[in-house]
Amino acid sequence: MQKIFEIYQEEINGELCDFVKIYVTWENRIFSLIDLLKIWEIPFAKYSYKPGDYHWVTPKWLYDELMVAPISFPYRTVLECTCLIPGCWPFQVIAEETDDQVLWKKFLQPHRGKNSYANEFWDYSRYPPLVFNKQQYYEELQP
């Protein structure tokens, strides 16, 4: 079975750091989330950032976003900018549960919303939720 969350190490400023790659199934194929976003964002990226220009987050960041963050703000940041500055270029999802699945839906690039300064709306509404096996999802998220 393909892992959902895979920890890998990358050297940042001379120090090895842990990050989490996220794998998703879309149209019966497995993609890294960043590779899938490259496909999804190509039609929107006319004037600015490259499609899929994201970086993985740390295991602690992902755990806190998906397991600890307050429910008062439903969006969860699952990817960040390649500069690694939080909030610079986040990709966000709303995570919902069923009895046996976790769904990521209502995708958002907040810097490319309907009223964004760049006047370049990135509309993810035509994409279906990303579906994960709930048991596997929570087992792999544990620190």
N, C-alpha and C. Protein backbone atom coordinates (compact mmCIF):
# COMPACT_ATOMS: atom_id res chain seq x y z
N MET A 1 0.85 -1.19 0.00
CA MET A 1 0.00 0.00 0.00
C MET A 1 0.89 1.25 0.00
N GLN A 2 0.57 2.19 -0.85
CA GLN A 2 1.32 3.45 -0.94
C GLN A 2 1.14 4.25 0.34
N LYS A 3 2.25 4.76 0.85
CA LYS A 3 2.17 5.64 2.02
C LYS A 3 1.48 6.93 1.63
N ILE A 4 0.82 7.55 2.60
CA ILE A 4 0.22 8.88 2.41
C ILE A 4 1.26 9.93 2.77
N PHE A 5 1.87 9.76 3.92
CA PHE A 5 2.86 10.71 4.44
C PHE A 5 4.21 10.00 4.53
N GLU A 6 5.20 10.56 3.86
CA GLU A 6 6.52 9.96 3.86
C GLU A 6 7.55 10.99 4.30
N ILE A 7 8.24 10.70 5.38
CA ILE A 7 9.25 11.62 5.90
C ILE A 7 10.55 11.42 5.11
N TYR A 8 11.14 12.53 4.74
CA TYR A 8 12.44 12.50 4.07
C TYR A 8 13.29 13.63 4.63
N GLN A 9 14.58 13.57 4.38
CA GLN A 9 15.49 14.61 4.87
C GLN A 9 16.03 15.43 3.71
N GLU A 10 16.21 16.71 3.99
CA GLU A 10 16.75 17.64 3.01
C GLU A 10 17.69 18.59 3.75
N GLU A 11 18.78 18.95 3.10
CA GLU A 11 19.72 19.88 3.71
C GLU A 11 19.25 21.31 3.46
N ILE A 12 19.07 22.04 4.55
CA ILE A 12 18.68 23.44 4.51
C ILE A 12 19.72 24.23 5.30
N ASN A 13 20.39 25.15 4.65
CA ASN A 13 21.44 25.96 5.29
C ASN A 13 22.45 25.10 6.05
N GLY A 14 22.86 24.00 5.43
CA GLY A 14 23.88 23.14 6.03
C GLY A 14 23.40 22.20 7.11
N GLU A 15 22.09 22.16 7.34
CA GLU A 15 21.52 21.30 8.39
C GLU A 15 20.49 20.36 7.77
N LEU A 16 20.54 19.09 8.19
CA LEU A 16 19.54 18.13 7.70
C LEU A 16 18.23 18.36 8.43
N CYS A 17 17.16 18.53 7.67
CA CYS A 17 15.83 18.77 8.23
C CYS A 17 14.86 17.73 7.70
N ASP A 18 13.90 17.35 8.54
CA ASP A 18 12.85 16.42 8.13
C ASP A 18 11.68 17.19 7.51
N PHE A 19 11.15 16.63 6.43
CA PHE A 19 9.95 17.15 5.78
C PHE A 19 9.05 15.97 5.45
N VAL A 20 7.79 16.26 5.14
CA VAL A 20 6.83 15.20 4.84
C VAL A 20 6.30 15.35 3.42
N LYS A 21 6.56 14.35 2.59
CA LYS A 21 5.95 14.28 1.26
C LYS A 21 4.56 13.70 1.44
N ILE A 22 3.62 14.22 0.67
CA ILE A 22 2.23 13.76 0.75
C ILE A 22 1.87 13.14 -0.60
N TYR A 23 1.33 11.93 -0.54
CA TYR A 23 0.93 11.23 -1.76
C TYR A 23 -0.59 11.13 -1.81
N VAL A 24 -1.13 11.36 -3.01
CA VAL A 24 -2.57 11.34 -3.20
C VAL A 24 -2.92 10.51 -4.43
N THR A 25 -4.15 10.03 -4.46
CA THR A 25 -4.65 9.32 -5.64
C THR A 25 -5.63 10.23 -6.36
N TRP A 26 -5.40 10.40 -7.65
CA TRP A 26 -6.29 11.22 -8.48
C TRP A 26 -6.39 10.55 -9.83
N GLU A 27 -7.62 10.34 -10.28
CA GLU A 27 -7.90 9.65 -11.55
C GLU A 27 -7.15 8.32 -11.61
N ASN A 28 -7.22 7.57 -10.50
CA ASN A 28 -6.64 6.23 -10.38
C ASN A 28 -5.13 6.20 -10.54
N ARG A 29 -4.46 7.31 -10.31
CA ARG A 29 -3.00 7.38 -10.35
C ARG A 29 -2.50 8.00 -9.06
N ILE A 30 -1.29 7.62 -8.66
CA ILE A 30 -0.70 8.17 -7.44
C ILE A 30 0.26 9.29 -7.83
N PHE A 31 0.10 10.43 -7.16
CA PHE A 31 0.93 11.61 -7.39
C PHE A 31 1.44 12.11 -6.04
N SER A 32 2.57 12.80 -6.06
CA SER A 32 2.87 13.61 -4.89
C SER A 32 1.91 14.79 -4.98
N LEU A 33 1.54 15.36 -3.86
CA LEU A 33 0.59 16.48 -3.87
C LEU A 33 1.15 17.64 -4.69
N ILE A 34 2.44 17.90 -4.60
CA ILE A 34 3.03 18.99 -5.37
C ILE A 34 2.93 18.73 -6.87
N ASP A 35 3.20 17.50 -7.30
CA ASP A 35 3.08 17.19 -8.73
C ASP A 35 1.65 17.32 -9.22
N LEU A 36 0.69 16.92 -8.39
CA LEU A 36 -0.71 17.08 -8.77
C LEU A 36 -1.07 18.56 -8.90
N LEU A 37 -0.59 19.37 -7.98
CA LEU A 37 -0.89 20.81 -8.04
C LEU A 37 -0.27 21.46 -9.28
N LYS A 38 0.87 20.98 -9.72
CA LYS A 38 1.44 21.50 -10.97
C LYS A 38 0.45 21.31 -12.11
N ILE A 39 -0.17 20.15 -12.16
CA ILE A 39 -1.16 19.86 -13.21
C ILE A 39 -2.38 20.75 -13.04
N TRP A 40 -2.89 20.84 -11.82
CA TRP A 40 -4.11 21.61 -11.56
C TRP A 40 -3.93 23.10 -11.80
N GLU A 41 -2.74 23.63 -11.48
CA GLU A 41 -2.56 25.08 -11.49
C GLU A 41 -2.10 25.66 -12.83
N ILE A 42 -1.67 24.83 -13.74
CA ILE A 42 -1.21 25.34 -15.05
C ILE A 42 -2.23 26.28 -15.69
N PRO A 43 -3.53 25.96 -15.73
CA PRO A 43 -4.47 26.87 -16.39
C PRO A 43 -4.61 28.24 -15.72
N PHE A 44 -4.22 28.35 -14.46
CA PHE A 44 -4.41 29.60 -13.71
C PHE A 44 -3.19 30.50 -13.70
N ALA A 45 -2.02 29.94 -13.84
CA ALA A 45 -0.77 30.69 -13.64
C ALA A 45 -0.36 31.42 -14.91
N LYS A 46 -1.02 32.53 -15.16
CA LYS A 46 -0.76 33.29 -16.39
C LYS A 46 0.34 34.31 -16.23
N TYR A 47 0.42 34.96 -15.08
CA TYR A 47 1.31 36.10 -14.92
C TYR A 47 2.32 35.98 -13.80
N SER A 48 2.12 35.04 -12.91
CA SER A 48 2.92 35.07 -11.69
C SER A 48 3.61 33.74 -11.42
N TYR A 49 3.53 33.30 -10.18
CA TYR A 49 4.24 32.11 -9.73
C TYR A 49 4.04 30.91 -10.63
N LYS A 50 5.03 30.04 -10.59
CA LYS A 50 4.96 28.81 -11.35
C LYS A 50 3.93 27.88 -10.70
N PRO A 51 3.21 27.12 -11.50
CA PRO A 51 2.29 26.13 -10.93
C PRO A 51 3.04 25.14 -10.05
N GLY A 52 2.44 24.79 -8.94
CA GLY A 52 3.02 23.81 -8.03
C GLY A 52 4.30 24.25 -7.35
N ASP A 53 4.49 25.54 -7.21
CA ASP A 53 5.72 26.08 -6.62
C ASP A 53 5.60 26.07 -5.10
N TYR A 54 5.66 24.86 -4.53
CA TYR A 54 5.48 24.66 -3.10
C TYR A 54 6.63 23.84 -2.54
N HIS A 55 6.69 23.81 -1.22
CA HIS A 55 7.64 22.95 -0.52
C HIS A 55 6.88 22.18 0.54
N TRP A 56 7.40 20.99 0.85
CA TRP A 56 6.82 20.18 1.91
C TRP A 56 7.03 20.86 3.26
N VAL A 57 6.18 20.54 4.22
CA VAL A 57 6.32 21.09 5.57
C VAL A 57 6.96 20.04 6.47
N THR A 58 7.34 20.47 7.67
CA THR A 58 7.96 19.54 8.62
C THR A 58 6.90 18.61 9.22
N PRO A 59 7.33 17.46 9.76
CA PRO A 59 6.36 16.57 10.41
C PRO A 59 5.59 17.27 11.53
N LYS A 60 6.27 18.07 12.34
CA LYS A 60 5.58 18.78 13.44
C LYS A 60 4.55 19.76 12.88
N TRP A 61 4.93 20.50 11.86
CA TRP A 61 3.99 21.45 11.24
C TRP A 61 2.74 20.72 10.76
N LEU A 62 2.93 19.63 10.00
CA LEU A 62 1.79 18.91 9.44
C LEU A 62 0.92 18.33 10.55
N TYR A 63 1.54 17.73 11.56
CA TYR A 63 0.79 17.17 12.68
C TYR A 63 -0.03 18.26 13.37
N ASP A 64 0.62 19.39 13.68
CA ASP A 64 -0.09 20.48 14.35
C ASP A 64 -1.23 21.01 13.50
N GLU A 65 -1.02 21.15 12.20
CA GLU A 65 -2.07 21.67 11.31
C GLU A 65 -3.26 20.72 11.24
N LEU A 66 -2.98 19.42 11.14
CA LEU A 66 -4.06 18.45 10.92
C LEU A 66 -4.65 17.89 12.20
N MET A 67 -3.91 17.96 13.31
CA MET A 67 -4.39 17.31 14.54
C MET A 67 -4.60 18.27 15.70
N VAL A 68 -3.93 19.42 15.72
CA VAL A 68 -3.94 20.28 16.90
C VAL A 68 -4.62 21.62 16.65
N ALA A 69 -4.53 22.13 15.44
CA ALA A 69 -5.03 23.48 15.13
C ALA A 69 -6.49 23.64 15.55
N PRO A 70 -6.86 24.82 16.01
CA PRO A 70 -8.24 25.05 16.45
C PRO A 70 -9.22 24.95 15.28
N ILE A 71 -10.40 24.46 15.59
CA ILE A 71 -11.41 24.28 14.54
C ILE A 71 -12.06 25.59 14.11
N SER A 72 -11.75 26.68 14.81
CA SER A 72 -12.36 27.97 14.45
C SER A 72 -11.93 28.44 13.06
N PHE A 73 -10.77 28.01 12.59
CA PHE A 73 -10.34 28.29 11.23
C PHE A 73 -10.22 26.95 10.53
N PRO A 74 -11.14 26.63 9.62
CA PRO A 74 -11.19 25.28 9.08
C PRO A 74 -10.07 24.92 8.09
N TYR A 75 -9.43 25.92 7.49
CA TYR A 75 -8.39 25.62 6.50
C TYR A 75 -7.09 25.20 7.18
N ARG A 76 -6.44 24.19 6.60
CA ARG A 76 -5.19 23.65 7.12
C ARG A 76 -4.11 23.82 6.06
N THR A 77 -2.98 24.38 6.44
CA THR A 77 -1.87 24.56 5.52
C THR A 77 -1.07 23.26 5.45
N VAL A 78 -1.06 22.65 4.27
CA VAL A 78 -0.36 21.37 4.10
C VAL A 78 0.90 21.50 3.25
N LEU A 79 1.09 22.64 2.60
CA LEU A 79 2.30 22.94 1.84
C LEU A 79 2.65 24.40 2.05
N GLU A 80 3.93 24.71 1.90
CA GLU A 80 4.38 26.09 2.04
C GLU A 80 5.21 26.50 0.83
N CYS A 81 5.63 27.75 0.85
CA CYS A 81 6.46 28.32 -0.19
C CYS A 81 7.84 27.66 -0.20
N THR A 82 8.48 27.68 -1.34
CA THR A 82 9.83 27.14 -1.43
C THR A 82 10.83 27.93 -0.61
N CYS A 83 10.48 29.15 -0.21
CA CYS A 83 11.38 29.94 0.66
C CYS A 83 11.30 29.49 2.11
N LEU A 84 10.31 28.66 2.44
CA LEU A 84 10.09 28.10 3.78
C LEU A 84 9.68 29.14 4.83
N ILE A 85 9.21 30.29 4.40
CA ILE A 85 8.68 31.28 5.33
C ILE A 85 7.19 31.02 5.49
N PRO A 86 6.73 30.67 6.69
CA PRO A 86 5.31 30.36 6.88
C PRO A 86 4.40 31.48 6.40
N GLY A 87 3.40 31.11 5.62
CA GLY A 87 2.41 32.06 5.13
C GLY A 87 2.78 32.72 3.83
N CYS A 88 3.98 32.54 3.34
CA CYS A 88 4.41 33.21 2.11
C CYS A 88 3.59 32.73 0.90
N TRP A 89 3.49 31.44 0.72
CA TRP A 89 2.77 30.88 -0.43
C TRP A 89 2.17 29.54 -0.01
N PRO A 90 1.19 29.55 0.92
CA PRO A 90 0.65 28.29 1.45
C PRO A 90 -0.38 27.66 0.50
N PHE A 91 -0.50 26.36 0.61
CA PHE A 91 -1.61 25.66 -0.02
C PHE A 91 -2.43 25.07 1.11
N GLN A 92 -3.74 25.34 1.08
CA GLN A 92 -4.59 24.96 2.20
C GLN A 92 -5.75 24.07 1.75
N VAL A 93 -6.22 23.26 2.68
CA VAL A 93 -7.34 22.35 2.45
C VAL A 93 -8.25 22.38 3.67
N ILE A 94 -9.47 21.93 3.48
CA ILE A 94 -10.35 21.62 4.60
C ILE A 94 -10.39 20.10 4.68
N ALA A 95 -10.11 19.57 5.87
CA ALA A 95 -10.12 18.12 6.09
C ALA A 95 -11.40 17.74 6.80
N GLU A 96 -12.11 16.77 6.24
CA GLU A 96 -13.33 16.25 6.86
C GLU A 96 -13.25 14.73 6.94
N GLU A 97 -13.94 14.19 7.91
CA GLU A 97 -13.92 12.75 8.14
C GLU A 97 -15.27 12.11 7.85
N THR A 98 -15.22 10.87 7.39
CA THR A 98 -16.38 10.00 7.37
C THR A 98 -16.03 8.84 8.30
N ASP A 99 -16.82 7.79 8.32
CA ASP A 99 -16.51 6.65 9.18
C ASP A 99 -15.16 6.03 8.88
N ASP A 100 -14.79 5.95 7.59
CA ASP A 100 -13.55 5.26 7.24
C ASP A 100 -12.63 6.04 6.31
N GLN A 101 -12.94 7.31 6.07
CA GLN A 101 -12.12 8.11 5.17
C GLN A 101 -11.85 9.51 5.74
N VAL A 102 -10.78 10.10 5.28
CA VAL A 102 -10.50 11.51 5.50
C VAL A 102 -10.49 12.14 4.12
N LEU A 103 -11.24 13.23 3.96
CA LEU A 103 -11.31 13.92 2.68
C LEU A 103 -10.69 15.29 2.80
N TRP A 104 -9.86 15.63 1.84
CA TRP A 104 -9.36 17.00 1.71
C TRP A 104 -10.13 17.64 0.59
N LYS A 105 -10.72 18.79 0.88
CA LYS A 105 -11.53 19.46 -0.14
C LYS A 105 -11.47 20.97 0.07
N LYS A 106 -12.18 21.67 -0.78
CA LYS A 106 -12.21 23.14 -0.75
C LYS A 106 -10.78 23.69 -0.71
N PHE A 107 -10.01 23.31 -1.71
CA PHE A 107 -8.61 23.70 -1.82
C PHE A 107 -8.49 25.20 -1.98
N LEU A 108 -7.40 25.75 -1.44
CA LEU A 108 -7.25 27.20 -1.44
C LEU A 108 -5.78 27.60 -1.54
N GLN A 109 -5.49 28.47 -2.46
CA GLN A 109 -4.23 29.22 -2.49
C GLN A 109 -4.66 30.63 -2.10
N PRO A 110 -4.51 31.02 -0.81
CA PRO A 110 -5.10 32.26 -0.33
C PRO A 110 -4.60 33.52 -1.04
N HIS A 111 -3.42 33.45 -1.64
CA HIS A 111 -2.92 34.62 -2.37
C HIS A 111 -3.49 34.71 -3.78
N ARG A 112 -4.32 33.74 -4.15
CA ARG A 112 -4.97 33.75 -5.46
C ARG A 112 -6.47 33.49 -5.33
N GLY A 113 -7.06 34.10 -4.29
CA GLY A 113 -8.50 34.00 -4.08
C GLY A 113 -9.26 34.91 -5.03
N LYS A 114 -10.57 34.92 -4.93
CA LYS A 114 -11.42 35.71 -5.83
C LYS A 114 -11.08 37.20 -5.80
N ASN A 115 -10.65 37.70 -4.66
CA ASN A 115 -10.34 39.12 -4.54
C ASN A 115 -8.85 39.37 -4.34
N SER A 116 -8.01 38.52 -4.89
CA SER A 116 -6.58 38.66 -4.67
C SER A 116 -6.03 39.90 -5.35
N TYR A 117 -4.97 40.41 -4.79
CA TYR A 117 -4.31 41.60 -5.29
C TYR A 117 -3.82 41.39 -6.73
N ALA A 118 -3.38 40.18 -7.02
CA ALA A 118 -2.82 39.88 -8.34
C ALA A 118 -3.90 39.79 -9.42
N ASN A 119 -5.17 39.78 -8.99
CA ASN A 119 -6.27 39.69 -9.95
C ASN A 119 -6.14 38.43 -10.81
N GLU A 120 -5.70 37.38 -10.18
CA GLU A 120 -5.49 36.10 -10.87
C GLU A 120 -6.09 35.00 -9.99
N PHE A 121 -7.37 34.72 -10.15
CA PHE A 121 -8.10 33.76 -9.34
C PHE A 121 -7.74 32.34 -9.75
N TRP A 122 -7.28 31.55 -8.76
CA TRP A 122 -6.99 30.14 -9.00
C TRP A 122 -8.17 29.34 -8.44
N ASP A 123 -9.00 28.85 -9.30
CA ASP A 123 -10.25 28.19 -8.94
C ASP A 123 -10.09 26.67 -8.91
N TYR A 124 -10.12 26.11 -7.72
CA TYR A 124 -9.97 24.67 -7.55
C TYR A 124 -11.33 23.96 -7.43
N SER A 125 -12.42 24.66 -7.64
CA SER A 125 -13.75 24.11 -7.37
C SER A 125 -14.11 22.92 -8.25
N ARG A 126 -13.50 22.76 -9.39
CA ARG A 126 -13.87 21.65 -10.26
C ARG A 126 -13.16 20.34 -9.90
N TYR A 127 -12.25 20.41 -8.92
CA TYR A 127 -11.51 19.22 -8.54
C TYR A 127 -12.20 18.50 -7.39
N PRO A 128 -12.30 17.18 -7.49
CA PRO A 128 -12.96 16.42 -6.43
C PRO A 128 -12.09 16.34 -5.19
N PRO A 129 -12.69 15.97 -4.07
CA PRO A 129 -11.90 15.81 -2.84
C PRO A 129 -10.81 14.75 -3.03
N LEU A 130 -9.74 14.91 -2.29
CA LEU A 130 -8.72 13.88 -2.22
C LEU A 130 -9.10 12.98 -1.05
N VAL A 131 -9.12 11.68 -1.27
CA VAL A 131 -9.66 10.73 -0.30
C VAL A 131 -8.54 9.85 0.24
N PHE A 132 -8.51 9.73 1.56
CA PHE A 132 -7.49 8.92 2.23
C PHE A 132 -8.18 7.89 3.13
N ASN A 133 -7.54 6.73 3.27
CA ASN A 133 -8.00 5.74 4.23
C ASN A 133 -7.76 6.30 5.63
N LYS A 134 -8.82 6.40 6.42
CA LYS A 134 -8.76 7.07 7.72
C LYS A 134 -7.77 6.40 8.67
N GLN A 135 -7.78 5.08 8.76
CA GLN A 135 -6.89 4.39 9.67
C GLN A 135 -5.43 4.63 9.29
N GLN A 136 -5.11 4.49 8.00
CA GLN A 136 -3.75 4.71 7.53
C GLN A 136 -3.33 6.16 7.76
N TYR A 137 -4.22 7.08 7.46
CA TYR A 137 -3.97 8.52 7.60
C TYR A 137 -3.53 8.86 9.02
N TYR A 138 -4.31 8.41 10.00
CA TYR A 138 -3.99 8.75 11.39
C TYR A 138 -2.79 7.99 11.92
N GLU A 139 -2.59 6.76 11.48
CA GLU A 139 -1.40 6.00 11.89
C GLU A 139 -0.13 6.68 11.39
N GLU A 140 -0.13 7.15 10.14
CA GLU A 140 1.06 7.76 9.57
C GLU A 140 1.30 9.17 10.11
N LEU A 141 0.29 9.84 10.60
CA LEU A 141 0.45 11.18 11.15
C LEU A 141 1.06 11.20 12.54
N GLN A 142 0.97 10.10 13.24
CA GLN A 142 1.47 10.06 14.62
C GLN A 142 2.96 10.37 14.67
N PRO A 143 3.36 11.19 15.64
CA PRO A 143 4.79 11.54 15.75
C PRO A 143 5.64 10.37 16.19
